[in-house]
PDB file of all heavy atoms in Angstrom:
ATOM      1  N   GLN A   1     -24.493   4.564 -11.017  1.00  0.00           N
ATOM      2  CA  GLN A   1     -23.202   5.201 -11.212  1.00  0.00           C
ATOM      3  C   GLN A   1     -23.312   6.722 -11.006  1.00  0.00           C
ATOM      4  O   GLN A   1     -24.223   7.355 -11.533  1.00  0.00           O
ATOM      5  CB  GLN A   1     -22.662   4.923 -12.617  1.00  0.00           C
ATOM      6  CG  GLN A   1     -22.278   3.472 -12.858  1.00  0.00           C
ATOM      7  CD  GLN A   1     -21.159   3.032 -11.935  1.00  0.00           C
ATOM      8  OE1 GLN A   1     -20.160   3.717 -11.759  1.00  0.00           O
ATOM      9  NE2 GLN A   1     -21.339   1.870 -11.301  1.00  0.00           N
ATOM     10  N   PRO A   2     -22.375   7.303 -10.231  1.00  0.00           N
ATOM     11  CA  PRO A   2     -22.387   8.762 -10.027  1.00  0.00           C
ATOM     12  C   PRO A   2     -21.948   9.487 -11.296  1.00  0.00           C
ATOM     13  O   PRO A   2     -21.271   8.912 -12.147  1.00  0.00           O
ATOM     14  CB  PRO A   2     -21.379   8.945  -8.890  1.00  0.00           C
ATOM     15  CG  PRO A   2     -20.434   7.791  -9.011  1.00  0.00           C
ATOM     16  CD  PRO A   2     -21.266   6.641  -9.507  1.00  0.00           C
ATOM     17  N   GLN A   3     -22.331  10.726 -11.389  1.00  0.00           N
ATOM     18  CA  GLN A   3     -21.982  11.516 -12.568  1.00  0.00           C
ATOM     19  C   GLN A   3     -20.481  11.825 -12.626  1.00  0.00           C
ATOM     20  O   GLN A   3     -19.851  11.645 -13.658  1.00  0.00           O
ATOM     21  CB  GLN A   3     -22.789  12.829 -12.558  1.00  0.00           C
ATOM     22  CG  GLN A   3     -24.232  12.688 -12.967  1.00  0.00           C
ATOM     23  CD  GLN A   3     -24.366  12.324 -14.438  1.00  0.00           C
ATOM     24  OE1 GLN A   3     -24.496  11.148 -14.786  1.00  0.00           O
ATOM     25  NE2 GLN A   3     -24.331  13.309 -15.304  1.00  0.00           N
ATOM     26  N   ASN A   4     -19.960  12.286 -11.519  1.00  0.00           N
ATOM     27  CA  ASN A   4     -18.550  12.688 -11.484  1.00  0.00           C
ATOM     28  C   ASN A   4     -17.855  12.100 -10.255  1.00  0.00           C
ATOM     29  O   ASN A   4     -17.608  12.807  -9.271  1.00  0.00           O
ATOM     30  CB  ASN A   4     -18.425  14.222 -11.456  1.00  0.00           C
ATOM     31  CG  ASN A   4     -18.973  14.865 -12.711  1.00  0.00           C
ATOM     32  OD1 ASN A   4     -18.577  14.526 -13.818  1.00  0.00           O
ATOM     33  ND2 ASN A   4     -19.907  15.797 -12.533  1.00  0.00           N
ATOM     34  N   PRO A   5     -17.522  10.817 -10.289  1.00  0.00           N
ATOM     35  CA  PRO A   5     -16.836  10.211  -9.133  1.00  0.00           C
ATOM     36  C   PRO A   5     -15.428  10.780  -8.967  1.00  0.00           C
ATOM     37  O   PRO A   5     -14.694  10.938  -9.939  1.00  0.00           O
ATOM     38  CB  PRO A   5     -16.802   8.728  -9.487  1.00  0.00           C
ATOM     39  CG  PRO A   5     -16.887   8.680 -10.983  1.00  0.00           C
ATOM     40  CD  PRO A   5     -17.738   9.852 -11.376  1.00  0.00           C
ATOM     41  N   ASP A   6     -15.089  11.098  -7.720  1.00  0.00           N
ATOM     42  CA  ASP A   6     -13.795  11.716  -7.401  1.00  0.00           C
ATOM     43  C   ASP A   6     -12.850  10.623  -6.896  1.00  0.00           C
ATOM     44  O   ASP A   6     -13.038  10.065  -5.818  1.00  0.00           O
ATOM     45  CB  ASP A   6     -14.007  12.790  -6.324  1.00  0.00           C
ATOM     46  CG  ASP A   6     -12.740  13.588  -6.047  1.00  0.00           C
ATOM     47  OD1 ASP A   6     -11.631  13.069  -6.276  1.00  0.00           O
ATOM     48  OD2 ASP A   6     -12.870  14.740  -5.566  1.00  0.00           O
ATOM     49  N   MET A   7     -11.816  10.327  -7.697  1.00  0.00           N
ATOM     50  CA  MET A   7     -10.906   9.237  -7.377  1.00  0.00           C
ATOM     51  C   MET A   7      -9.605   9.703  -6.710  1.00  0.00           C
ATOM     52  O   MET A   7      -8.629   8.956  -6.677  1.00  0.00           O
ATOM     53  CB  MET A   7     -10.567   8.441  -8.641  1.00  0.00           C
ATOM     54  CG  MET A   7     -11.695   7.542  -9.082  1.00  0.00           C
ATOM     55  SD  MET A   7     -12.029   6.249  -7.869  1.00  0.00           S
ATOM     56  CE  MET A   7     -13.615   5.675  -8.429  1.00  0.00           C
ATOM     57  N   THR A   8      -9.584  10.914  -6.187  1.00  0.00           N
ATOM     58  CA  THR A   8      -8.398  11.336  -5.424  1.00  0.00           C
ATOM     59  C   THR A   8      -8.289  10.447  -4.182  1.00  0.00           C
ATOM     60  O   THR A   8      -9.302  10.087  -3.572  1.00  0.00           O
ATOM     61  CB  THR A   8      -8.498  12.813  -5.010  1.00  0.00           C
ATOM     62  OG1 THR A   8      -9.728  13.014  -4.306  1.00  0.00           O
ATOM     63  CG2 THR A   8      -8.454  13.720  -6.230  1.00  0.00           C
ATOM     64  N   HIS A   9      -7.052  10.095  -3.802  1.00  0.00           N
ATOM     65  CA  HIS A   9      -6.899   9.082  -2.757  1.00  0.00           C
ATOM     66  C   HIS A   9      -5.529   9.160  -2.091  1.00  0.00           C
ATOM     67  O   HIS A   9      -4.609   9.839  -2.581  1.00  0.00           O
ATOM     68  CB  HIS A   9      -7.073   7.678  -3.363  1.00  0.00           C
ATOM     69  CG  HIS A   9      -6.040   7.360  -4.417  1.00  0.00           C
ATOM     70  ND1 HIS A   9      -6.178   7.760  -5.731  1.00  0.00           N
ATOM     71  CD2 HIS A   9      -4.848   6.712  -4.341  1.00  0.00           C
ATOM     72  CE1 HIS A   9      -5.130   7.356  -6.420  1.00  0.00           C
ATOM     73  NE2 HIS A   9      -4.304   6.716  -5.605  1.00  0.00           N
ATOM     74  N   VAL A  10      -5.431   8.443  -0.995  1.00  0.00           N
ATOM     75  CA  VAL A  10      -4.163   8.224  -0.299  1.00  0.00           C
ATOM     76  C   VAL A  10      -4.069   6.727  -0.003  1.00  0.00           C
ATOM     77  O   VAL A  10      -5.021   6.131   0.520  1.00  0.00           O
ATOM     78  CB  VAL A  10      -4.072   9.015   1.030  1.00  0.00           C
ATOM     79  CG1 VAL A  10      -2.775   8.671   1.758  1.00  0.00           C
ATOM     80  CG2 VAL A  10      -4.154  10.505   0.778  1.00  0.00           C
ATOM     81  N   ILE A  11      -2.931   6.122  -0.354  1.00  0.00           N
ATOM     82  CA  ILE A  11      -2.730   4.693  -0.083  1.00  0.00           C
ATOM     83  C   ILE A  11      -1.940   4.552   1.216  1.00  0.00           C
ATOM     84  O   ILE A  11      -0.822   5.054   1.336  1.00  0.00           O
ATOM     85  CB  ILE A  11      -1.977   4.007  -1.240  1.00  0.00           C
ATOM     86  CG1 ILE A  11      -2.779   4.127  -2.535  1.00  0.00           C
ATOM     87  CG2 ILE A  11      -1.712   2.536  -0.908  1.00  0.00           C
ATOM     88  CD1 ILE A  11      -2.052   3.619  -3.767  1.00  0.00           C
ATOM     89  N   HIS A  12      -2.528   3.905   2.191  1.00  0.00           N
ATOM     90  CA  HIS A  12      -1.859   3.683   3.469  1.00  0.00           C
ATOM     91  C   HIS A  12      -1.037   2.400   3.458  1.00  0.00           C
ATOM     92  O   HIS A  12       0.043   2.344   4.049  1.00  0.00           O
ATOM     93  CB  HIS A  12      -2.891   3.621   4.606  1.00  0.00           C
ATOM     94  CG  HIS A  12      -3.824   4.787   4.632  1.00  0.00           C
ATOM     95  ND1 HIS A  12      -3.401   6.076   4.909  1.00  0.00           N
ATOM     96  CD2 HIS A  12      -5.159   4.876   4.389  1.00  0.00           C
ATOM     97  CE1 HIS A  12      -4.435   6.896   4.845  1.00  0.00           C
ATOM     98  NE2 HIS A  12      -5.505   6.200   4.540  1.00  0.00           N
ATOM     99  N   LYS A  13      -1.572   1.398   2.771  1.00  0.00           N
ATOM    100  CA  LYS A  13      -0.868   0.113   2.758  1.00  0.00           C
ATOM    101  C   LYS A  13      -1.282  -0.712   1.556  1.00  0.00           C
ATOM    102  O   LYS A  13      -2.453  -0.790   1.212  1.00  0.00           O
ATOM    103  CB  LYS A  13      -1.169  -0.681   4.044  1.00  0.00           C
ATOM    104  CG  LYS A  13      -0.438  -2.003   4.140  1.00  0.00           C
ATOM    105  CD  LYS A  13      -0.769  -2.716   5.453  1.00  0.00           C
ATOM    106  CE  LYS A  13       0.012  -4.011   5.598  1.00  0.00           C
ATOM    107  NZ  LYS A  13      -0.290  -4.722   6.856  1.00  0.00           N
ATOM    108  N   LEU A  14      -0.280  -1.306   0.910  1.00  0.00           N
ATOM    109  CA  LEU A  14      -0.515  -2.358  -0.072  1.00  0.00           C
ATOM    110  C   LEU A  14       0.628  -3.344   0.077  1.00  0.00           C
ATOM    111  O   LEU A  14       1.780  -3.030  -0.241  1.00  0.00           O
ATOM    112  CB  LEU A  14      -0.565  -1.816  -1.502  1.00  0.00           C
ATOM    113  CG  LEU A  14      -0.716  -2.899  -2.576  1.00  0.00           C
ATOM    114  CD1 LEU A  14      -1.997  -3.689  -2.379  1.00  0.00           C
ATOM    115  CD2 LEU A  14      -0.655  -2.313  -3.975  1.00  0.00           C
ATOM    116  N   SER A  15       0.333  -4.526   0.616  1.00  0.00           N
ATOM    117  CA  SER A  15       1.374  -5.522   0.851  1.00  0.00           C
ATOM    118  C   SER A  15       0.868  -6.901   0.431  1.00  0.00           C
ATOM    119  O   SER A  15      -0.337  -7.144   0.342  1.00  0.00           O
ATOM    120  CB  SER A  15       1.792  -5.540   2.324  1.00  0.00           C
ATOM    121  OG  SER A  15       0.712  -5.926   3.152  1.00  0.00           O
ATOM    122  N   PHE A  16       1.823  -7.796   0.183  1.00  0.00           N
ATOM    123  CA  PHE A  16       1.512  -9.135  -0.289  1.00  0.00           C
ATOM    124  C   PHE A  16       2.193 -10.169   0.611  1.00  0.00           C
ATOM    125  O   PHE A  16       3.352  -9.993   1.004  1.00  0.00           O
ATOM    126  CB  PHE A  16       2.007  -9.326  -1.732  1.00  0.00           C
ATOM    127  CG  PHE A  16       1.420  -8.357  -2.712  1.00  0.00           C
ATOM    128  CD1 PHE A  16       1.994  -7.106  -2.911  1.00  0.00           C
ATOM    129  CD2 PHE A  16       0.292  -8.677  -3.442  1.00  0.00           C
ATOM    130  CE1 PHE A  16       1.471  -6.201  -3.824  1.00  0.00           C
ATOM    131  CE2 PHE A  16      -0.257  -7.779  -4.356  1.00  0.00           C
ATOM    132  CZ  PHE A  16       0.332  -6.545  -4.544  1.00  0.00           C
ATOM    133  N   GLY A  17       1.470 -11.241   0.927  1.00  0.00           N
ATOM    134  CA  GLY A  17       2.059 -12.336   1.698  1.00  0.00           C
ATOM    135  C   GLY A  17       2.224 -12.013   3.167  1.00  0.00           C
ATOM    136  O   GLY A  17       1.605 -11.090   3.705  1.00  0.00           O
ATOM    137  N   ASP A  18       3.095 -12.805   3.837  1.00  0.00           N
ATOM    138  CA  ASP A  18       3.344 -12.622   5.268  1.00  0.00           C
ATOM    139  C   ASP A  18       4.026 -11.293   5.540  1.00  0.00           C
ATOM    140  O   ASP A  18       4.795 -10.787   4.715  1.00  0.00           O
ATOM    141  CB  ASP A  18       4.240 -13.753   5.810  1.00  0.00           C
ATOM    142  CG  ASP A  18       3.561 -15.113   5.731  1.00  0.00           C
ATOM    143  OD1 ASP A  18       2.316 -15.132   5.647  1.00  0.00           O
ATOM    144  OD2 ASP A  18       4.266 -16.130   5.747  1.00  0.00           O
ATOM    145  N   LYS A  19       3.758 -10.761   6.721  1.00  0.00           N
ATOM    146  CA  LYS A  19       4.412  -9.531   7.140  1.00  0.00           C
ATOM    147  C   LYS A  19       5.776  -9.850   7.736  1.00  0.00           C
ATOM    148  O   LYS A  19       5.896 -10.701   8.619  1.00  0.00           O
ATOM    149  CB  LYS A  19       3.557  -8.799   8.184  1.00  0.00           C
ATOM    150  CG  LYS A  19       4.113  -7.442   8.583  1.00  0.00           C
ATOM    151  CD  LYS A  19       3.185  -6.739   9.556  1.00  0.00           C
ATOM    152  CE  LYS A  19       3.709  -5.359   9.925  1.00  0.00           C
ATOM    153  NZ  LYS A  19       2.809  -4.670  10.887  1.00  0.00           N
ATOM    154  N   LEU A  20       6.816  -9.207   7.222  1.00  0.00           N
ATOM    155  CA  LEU A  20       8.165  -9.419   7.735  1.00  0.00           C
ATOM    156  C   LEU A  20       8.585  -8.207   8.551  1.00  0.00           C
ATOM    157  O   LEU A  20       8.648  -7.097   8.034  1.00  0.00           O
ATOM    158  CB  LEU A  20       9.161  -9.632   6.592  1.00  0.00           C
ATOM    159  CG  LEU A  20       9.021 -10.909   5.764  1.00  0.00           C
ATOM    160  CD1 LEU A  20      10.123 -10.975   4.720  1.00  0.00           C
ATOM    161  CD2 LEU A  20       9.071 -12.139   6.649  1.00  0.00           C
ATOM    162  N   GLN A  21       8.856  -8.421   9.824  1.00  0.00           N
ATOM    163  CA  GLN A  21       9.352  -7.345  10.688  1.00  0.00           C
ATOM    164  C   GLN A  21      10.790  -7.679  11.078  1.00  0.00           C
ATOM    165  O   GLN A  21      11.067  -8.138  12.178  1.00  0.00           O
ATOM    166  CB  GLN A  21       8.472  -7.203  11.928  1.00  0.00           C
ATOM    167  CG  GLN A  21       7.108  -6.631  11.630  1.00  0.00           C
ATOM    168  CD  GLN A  21       6.273  -6.431  12.872  1.00  0.00           C
ATOM    169  OE1 GLN A  21       6.267  -7.265  13.775  1.00  0.00           O
ATOM    170  NE2 GLN A  21       5.561  -5.319  12.946  1.00  0.00           N
ATOM    171  N   VAL A  22      11.689  -7.463  10.136  1.00  0.00           N
ATOM    172  CA  VAL A  22      13.103  -7.763  10.337  1.00  0.00           C
ATOM    173  C   VAL A  22      13.886  -6.481  10.096  1.00  0.00           C
ATOM    174  O   VAL A  22      13.813  -5.888   9.017  1.00  0.00           O
ATOM    175  CB  VAL A  22      13.581  -8.870   9.369  1.00  0.00           C
ATOM    176  CG1 VAL A  22      15.034  -9.223   9.656  1.00  0.00           C
ATOM    177  CG2 VAL A  22      12.700 -10.104   9.506  1.00  0.00           C
ATOM    178  N   HIS A  23      14.631  -6.044  11.122  1.00  0.00           N
ATOM    179  CA  HIS A  23      15.311  -4.742  11.054  1.00  0.00           C
ATOM    180  C   HIS A  23      16.409  -4.715   9.998  1.00  0.00           C
ATOM    181  O   HIS A  23      16.656  -3.685   9.389  1.00  0.00           O
ATOM    182  CB  HIS A  23      15.903  -4.392  12.422  1.00  0.00           C
ATOM    183  CG  HIS A  23      14.863  -4.238  13.495  1.00  0.00           C
ATOM    184  ND1 HIS A  23      13.887  -3.267  13.459  1.00  0.00           N
ATOM    185  CD2 HIS A  23      14.628  -4.945  14.639  1.00  0.00           C
ATOM    186  CE1 HIS A  23      13.105  -3.357  14.525  1.00  0.00           C
ATOM    187  NE2 HIS A  23      13.523  -4.383  15.251  1.00  0.00           N
ATOM    188  N   ASN A  24      17.079  -5.826   9.784  1.00  0.00           N
ATOM    189  CA  ASN A  24      18.228  -5.829   8.880  1.00  0.00           C
ATOM    190  C   ASN A  24      17.849  -6.025   7.416  1.00  0.00           C
ATOM    191  O   ASN A  24      18.725  -6.036   6.554  1.00  0.00           O
ATOM    192  CB  ASN A  24      19.221  -6.927   9.295  1.00  0.00           C
ATOM    193  CG  ASN A  24      19.831  -6.652  10.658  1.00  0.00           C
ATOM    194  OD1 ASN A  24      19.940  -5.502  11.062  1.00  0.00           O
ATOM    195  ND2 ASN A  24      20.212  -7.694  11.370  1.00  0.00           N
ATOM    196  N   VAL A  25      16.571  -6.223   7.146  1.00  0.00           N
ATOM    197  CA  VAL A  25      16.128  -6.394   5.762  1.00  0.00           C
ATOM    198  C   VAL A  25      15.341  -5.154   5.355  1.00  0.00           C
ATOM    199  O   VAL A  25      14.257  -4.886   5.863  1.00  0.00           O
ATOM    200  CB  VAL A  25      15.248  -7.657   5.609  1.00  0.00           C
ATOM    201  CG1 VAL A  25      14.686  -7.732   4.204  1.00  0.00           C
ATOM    202  CG2 VAL A  25      16.057  -8.905   5.919  1.00  0.00           C
ATOM    203  N   HIS A  26      15.917  -4.390   4.438  1.00  0.00           N
ATOM    204  CA  HIS A  26      15.258  -3.169   3.964  1.00  0.00           C
ATOM    205  C   HIS A  26      14.790  -3.419   2.530  1.00  0.00           C
ATOM    206  O   HIS A  26      15.560  -3.324   1.589  1.00  0.00           O
ATOM    207  CB  HIS A  26      16.220  -1.983   4.024  1.00  0.00           C
ATOM    208  CG  HIS A  26      16.767  -1.725   5.386  1.00  0.00           C
ATOM    209  ND1 HIS A  26      16.015  -1.204   6.412  1.00  0.00           N
ATOM    210  CD2 HIS A  26      17.988  -1.966   5.919  1.00  0.00           C
ATOM    211  CE1 HIS A  26      16.749  -1.097   7.506  1.00  0.00           C
ATOM    212  NE2 HIS A  26      17.953  -1.565   7.231  1.00  0.00           N
ATOM    213  N   GLY A  27      13.534  -3.773   2.392  1.00  0.00           N
ATOM    214  CA  GLY A  27      13.004  -4.069   1.068  1.00  0.00           C
ATOM    215  C   GLY A  27      11.755  -3.273   0.785  1.00  0.00           C
ATOM    216  O   GLY A  27      11.238  -2.538   1.616  1.00  0.00           O
ATOM    217  N   ALA A  28      11.238  -3.435  -0.432  1.00  0.00           N
ATOM    218  CA  ALA A  28      10.051  -2.698  -0.875  1.00  0.00           C
ATOM    219  C   ALA A  28       8.810  -3.553  -0.632  1.00  0.00           C
ATOM    220  O   ALA A  28       8.106  -3.942  -1.563  1.00  0.00           O
ATOM    221  CB  ALA A  28      10.194  -2.337  -2.340  1.00  0.00           C
ATOM    222  N   PHE A  29       8.526  -3.865   0.648  1.00  0.00           N
ATOM    223  CA  PHE A  29       7.375  -4.693   0.985  1.00  0.00           C
ATOM    224  C   PHE A  29       6.078  -3.883   1.000  1.00  0.00           C
ATOM    225  O   PHE A  29       4.997  -4.453   0.914  1.00  0.00           O
ATOM    226  CB  PHE A  29       7.577  -5.358   2.351  1.00  0.00           C
ATOM    227  CG  PHE A  29       8.728  -6.340   2.370  1.00  0.00           C
ATOM    228  CD1 PHE A  29       9.964  -5.953   2.862  1.00  0.00           C
ATOM    229  CD2 PHE A  29       8.566  -7.624   1.880  1.00  0.00           C
ATOM    230  CE1 PHE A  29      11.020  -6.851   2.881  1.00  0.00           C
ATOM    231  CE2 PHE A  29       9.621  -8.518   1.892  1.00  0.00           C
ATOM    232  CZ  PHE A  29      10.857  -8.130   2.388  1.00  0.00           C
ATOM    233  N   ASN A  30       6.189  -2.572   1.138  1.00  0.00           N
ATOM    234  CA  ASN A  30       5.014  -1.697   1.142  1.00  0.00           C
ATOM    235  C   ASN A  30       5.366  -0.423   0.376  1.00  0.00           C
ATOM    236  O   ASN A  30       5.294   0.682   0.901  1.00  0.00           O
ATOM    237  CB  ASN A  30       4.594  -1.395   2.583  1.00  0.00           C
ATOM    238  CG  ASN A  30       3.241  -0.711   2.671  1.00  0.00           C
ATOM    239  OD1 ASN A  30       2.493  -0.630   1.699  1.00  0.00           O
ATOM    240  ND2 ASN A  30       2.926  -0.177   3.844  1.00  0.00           N
ATOM    241  N   ALA A  31       5.766  -0.635  -0.882  1.00  0.00           N
ATOM    242  CA  ALA A  31       6.331   0.458  -1.679  1.00  0.00           C
ATOM    243  C   ALA A  31       5.353   1.609  -1.907  1.00  0.00           C
ATOM    244  O   ALA A  31       5.774   2.749  -2.116  1.00  0.00           O
ATOM    245  CB  ALA A  31       6.820  -0.086  -3.026  1.00  0.00           C
ATOM    246  N   LEU A  32       4.065   1.351  -1.861  1.00  0.00           N
ATOM    247  CA  LEU A  32       3.073   2.401  -2.122  1.00  0.00           C
ATOM    248  C   LEU A  32       2.586   3.100  -0.858  1.00  0.00           C
ATOM    249  O   LEU A  32       1.692   3.939  -0.928  1.00  0.00           O
ATOM    250  CB  LEU A  32       1.872   1.809  -2.869  1.00  0.00           C
ATOM    251  CG  LEU A  32       2.017   1.719  -4.389  1.00  0.00           C
ATOM    252  CD1 LEU A  32       0.858   0.960  -5.001  1.00  0.00           C
ATOM    253  CD2 LEU A  32       2.140   3.099  -5.013  1.00  0.00           C
TER     254      LEU A  32
END
């Protein structure tokens, strides 16, 4: 274990299930 691990980060993608590419549906599929 490191002494001082740096957990600063950027989330590019967090998604669940199948990917939906539908223009008329605006949902929180990748809210982060």
